[in-house]
Protein backbone atom coordinates (compact mmCIF):
# COMPACT_ATOMS: atom_id res chain seq x y z
CA UNK A 1 88.66 66.39 81.12
CA UNK A 2 86.38 69.22 79.99
CA UNK A 3 87.55 71.41 82.89
CA UNK A 4 91.17 70.80 81.90
CA UNK A 5 90.46 71.88 78.32
CA UNK A 6 88.64 74.98 79.57
CA UNK A 7 91.59 75.81 81.84
CA UNK A 8 94.12 75.59 79.00
CA UNK A 9 91.86 77.52 76.65
CA UNK A 10 91.48 80.27 79.26
CA UNK A 11 95.23 80.34 79.74
CA UNK A 12 95.86 80.53 75.99
CA UNK A 13 93.29 83.27 75.49
CA UNK A 14 94.98 85.29 78.23
CA UNK A 15 98.52 84.83 76.92
CA UNK A 16 98.08 84.74 73.15
CA UNK A 17 96.88 88.34 72.68
CA UNK A 18 100.00 89.64 74.43
CA UNK A 19 102.29 87.42 72.36
CA UNK A 20 100.41 88.28 69.17
CA UNK A 21 100.75 92.01 69.88
CA UNK A 22 104.48 91.53 70.38
CA UNK A 23 104.84 89.52 67.17
CA UNK A 24 103.28 92.29 65.12
CA UNK A 25 105.52 94.90 66.73
CA UNK A 26 108.63 92.78 66.17
CA UNK A 27 107.81 92.40 62.48
CA UNK A 28 107.68 96.17 62.11
CA UNK A 29 111.29 96.46 63.43
CA UNK A 30 110.63 97.35 67.07
CA UNK A 31 112.68 95.42 69.61
CA UNK A 32 110.34 96.29 72.45
CA UNK A 33 107.90 93.94 74.11
CA UNK A 34 104.42 95.24 74.94
CA UNK A 35 103.97 97.22 78.12
CA UNK A 36 102.44 94.26 79.96
CA UNK A 37 101.09 90.75 79.75
CA UNK A 38 98.14 89.22 81.56
CA UNK A 39 97.71 85.57 82.53
CA UNK A 40 94.56 84.41 84.27
CA UNK A 41 93.49 81.10 85.76
CA UNK A 42 90.43 79.95 87.66
CA UNK A 43 91.53 77.94 90.68
CA UNK A 44 89.01 75.49 92.18
CA UNK A 45 89.32 76.77 95.76
CA UNK A 46 87.96 79.61 97.90
CA UNK A 47 89.89 82.87 97.87
CA UNK A 48 91.14 82.41 101.46
CA UNK A 49 92.85 79.12 100.57
CA UNK A 50 94.37 80.54 97.39
CA UNK A 51 95.58 83.63 99.26
CA UNK A 52 97.21 81.38 101.88
CA UNK A 53 99.01 79.52 99.04
CA UNK A 54 100.45 82.84 97.81
CA UNK A 55 100.93 84.90 100.93
CA UNK A 56 102.60 82.48 103.36
CA UNK A 57 105.85 80.54 103.25
CA UNK A 58 103.95 77.38 104.15
CA UNK A 59 101.42 77.91 101.38
CA UNK A 60 103.91 78.87 98.67
CA UNK A 61 105.98 75.80 99.54
CA UNK A 62 102.99 73.57 98.70
CA UNK A 63 103.17 74.38 95.00
CA UNK A 64 106.00 76.64 93.88
CA UNK A 65 109.15 75.25 95.47
CA UNK A 66 110.11 73.75 98.86
CA UNK A 67 111.19 76.19 101.54
CA UNK A 68 109.86 79.25 99.72
CA UNK A 69 109.94 82.43 101.78
CA UNK A 70 107.13 84.94 102.14
CA UNK A 71 107.59 87.88 104.50
CA UNK A 72 104.20 89.50 103.99
CA UNK A 73 105.00 93.19 104.37
CA UNK A 74 106.10 95.97 102.02
CA UNK A 75 109.79 95.32 101.36
CA UNK A 76 109.43 91.68 102.41
CA UNK A 77 110.64 88.69 100.44
CA UNK A 78 108.52 86.57 98.10
CA UNK A 79 111.44 84.31 97.23
CA UNK A 80 112.36 80.84 96.09
CA UNK A 81 115.93 79.66 96.63
CA UNK A 82 116.98 77.01 94.14
CA UNK A 83 119.61 74.32 94.89
CA UNK A 84 121.94 76.02 92.37
CA UNK A 85 122.04 79.08 94.62
CA UNK A 86 119.95 81.25 92.31
CA UNK A 87 116.75 82.91 93.49
CA UNK A 88 113.41 83.68 91.92
CA UNK A 89 110.46 85.79 92.93
CA UNK A 90 110.90 89.30 94.16
CA UNK A 91 110.17 91.90 96.81
CA UNK A 92 106.68 92.64 98.06
CA UNK A 93 105.64 96.18 97.15
CA UNK A 94 102.13 96.11 98.63
CA UNK A 95 99.21 93.82 99.36
CA UNK A 96 95.54 93.82 100.23
CA UNK A 97 94.68 90.51 101.94
CA UNK A 98 92.74 88.13 99.70
CA UNK A 99 92.57 90.77 96.94
CA UNK A 100 96.01 91.77 95.63
CA UNK A 101 99.72 91.06 95.97
CA UNK A 102 102.18 93.36 94.17
CA UNK A 103 105.78 92.26 93.70
CA UNK A 104 108.87 93.93 92.27
CA UNK A 105 109.71 90.81 90.27
CA UNK A 106 113.23 89.56 89.56
CA UNK A 107 113.91 88.08 86.17
CA UNK A 108 116.18 85.02 86.01
CA UNK A 109 119.90 85.70 86.36
CA UNK A 110 120.44 85.17 82.62
CA UNK A 111 118.72 88.56 82.16
CA UNK A 112 120.92 90.71 84.46
CA UNK A 113 119.62 94.13 83.42
CA UNK A 114 115.97 93.12 83.70
CA UNK A 115 116.71 91.39 87.01
CA UNK A 116 118.36 94.49 88.45
CA UNK A 117 115.68 96.92 87.22
CA UNK A 118 112.74 94.60 88.00
CA UNK A 119 109.25 94.45 86.57
CA UNK A 120 105.97 94.82 88.43
CA UNK A 121 103.92 91.65 88.97
CA UNK A 122 100.40 92.26 90.24
CA UNK A 123 98.44 89.19 91.33
CA UNK A 124 94.75 89.81 91.91
CA UNK A 125 92.36 87.36 93.56
CA UNK A 126 88.68 87.43 92.61
CA UNK A 127 86.18 85.10 94.28
CA UNK A 128 83.93 83.31 91.81
CA UNK A 129 81.58 81.00 93.67
CA UNK A 130 83.71 78.26 95.26
CA UNK A 131 86.60 79.15 92.95
CA UNK A 132 89.06 82.03 92.68
CA UNK A 133 90.23 83.80 89.56
CA UNK A 134 93.91 84.63 89.89
CA UNK A 135 95.15 87.21 87.42
CA UNK A 136 98.78 88.11 86.93
CA UNK A 137 99.50 91.41 85.20
CA UNK A 138 103.22 91.94 84.68
CA UNK A 139 104.34 95.36 83.51
CA UNK A 140 107.38 97.61 83.43
CA UNK A 141 108.95 96.21 80.28
CA UNK A 142 111.52 98.37 78.49
CA UNK A 143 113.14 98.47 75.06
CA UNK A 144 116.05 96.28 74.09
CA UNK A 145 116.98 92.76 73.15
CA UNK A 146 117.43 91.52 76.71
CA UNK A 147 114.04 92.93 77.72
CA UNK A 148 112.38 91.25 74.73
CA UNK A 149 114.02 87.89 75.51
CA UNK A 150 113.06 88.18 79.20
CA UNK A 151 109.49 89.04 78.23
CA UNK A 152 109.20 85.94 76.02
CA UNK A 153 110.77 83.75 78.69
CA UNK A 154 108.52 85.06 81.45
CA UNK A 155 105.29 84.84 79.45
CA UNK A 156 105.95 81.10 79.12
CA UNK A 157 107.37 80.74 82.64
CA UNK A 158 104.51 82.55 84.31
CA UNK A 159 101.94 80.58 82.32
CA UNK A 160 103.62 77.49 83.80
CA UNK A 161 103.55 79.11 87.26
CA UNK A 162 99.79 79.65 87.00
CA UNK A 163 99.32 76.12 85.70
CA UNK A 164 101.24 74.77 88.70
CA UNK A 165 99.02 76.79 91.05
CA UNK A 166 95.93 75.31 89.39
CA UNK A 167 97.39 71.80 89.64
CA UNK A 168 98.09 72.29 93.35
CA UNK A 169 94.37 72.80 94.01
CA UNK A 170 93.25 70.01 91.68
CA UNK A 171 95.75 67.34 92.77
CA UNK A 172 96.84 68.60 96.19
CA UNK A 173 100.13 69.95 97.53
CA UNK A 174 103.28 68.98 95.67
CA UNK A 175 105.15 66.04 97.17
CA UNK A 176 108.67 67.41 96.87
CA UNK A 177 110.23 64.04 97.77
CA UNK A 178 108.67 62.51 94.65
CA UNK A 179 109.80 65.48 92.55
CA UNK A 180 113.50 64.93 93.32
């Protein structure tokens, strides 16, 4: 119970400053989100296991979505294909095994300009004893209403993504048959 509270507190501390900075800017008439947001979670697993969960199709399919695709090379896919036909994820820009994965991230289809232009999602993996700190820094945000709405959506969505990763290592791989 205490670890769960610490996890959520860590997640809030990581996300709230970015949202607070945006709120202040919005009040002063700007329609631009901040340049980046950072979400961090400590996952109770060694870095090699966490890297496998991010950098392989098999691993990603244990927590993000069934039949996820990872083609671990620059220009390769880091993609989820949803039953509706839409996709999420992005294109791998670069990686350093067990240290960093950089993705040209696609926004959801309801943000067509942001989806086409992409943002940069940098996942870093830092060993901490028998745990791993995973930090997502997403940057490349531009001015405009659609960019602001996509930023707000993805701050919440990526906080959920990191929570799901944490849950995967606390409770085990997702049973997709039960999730249907």
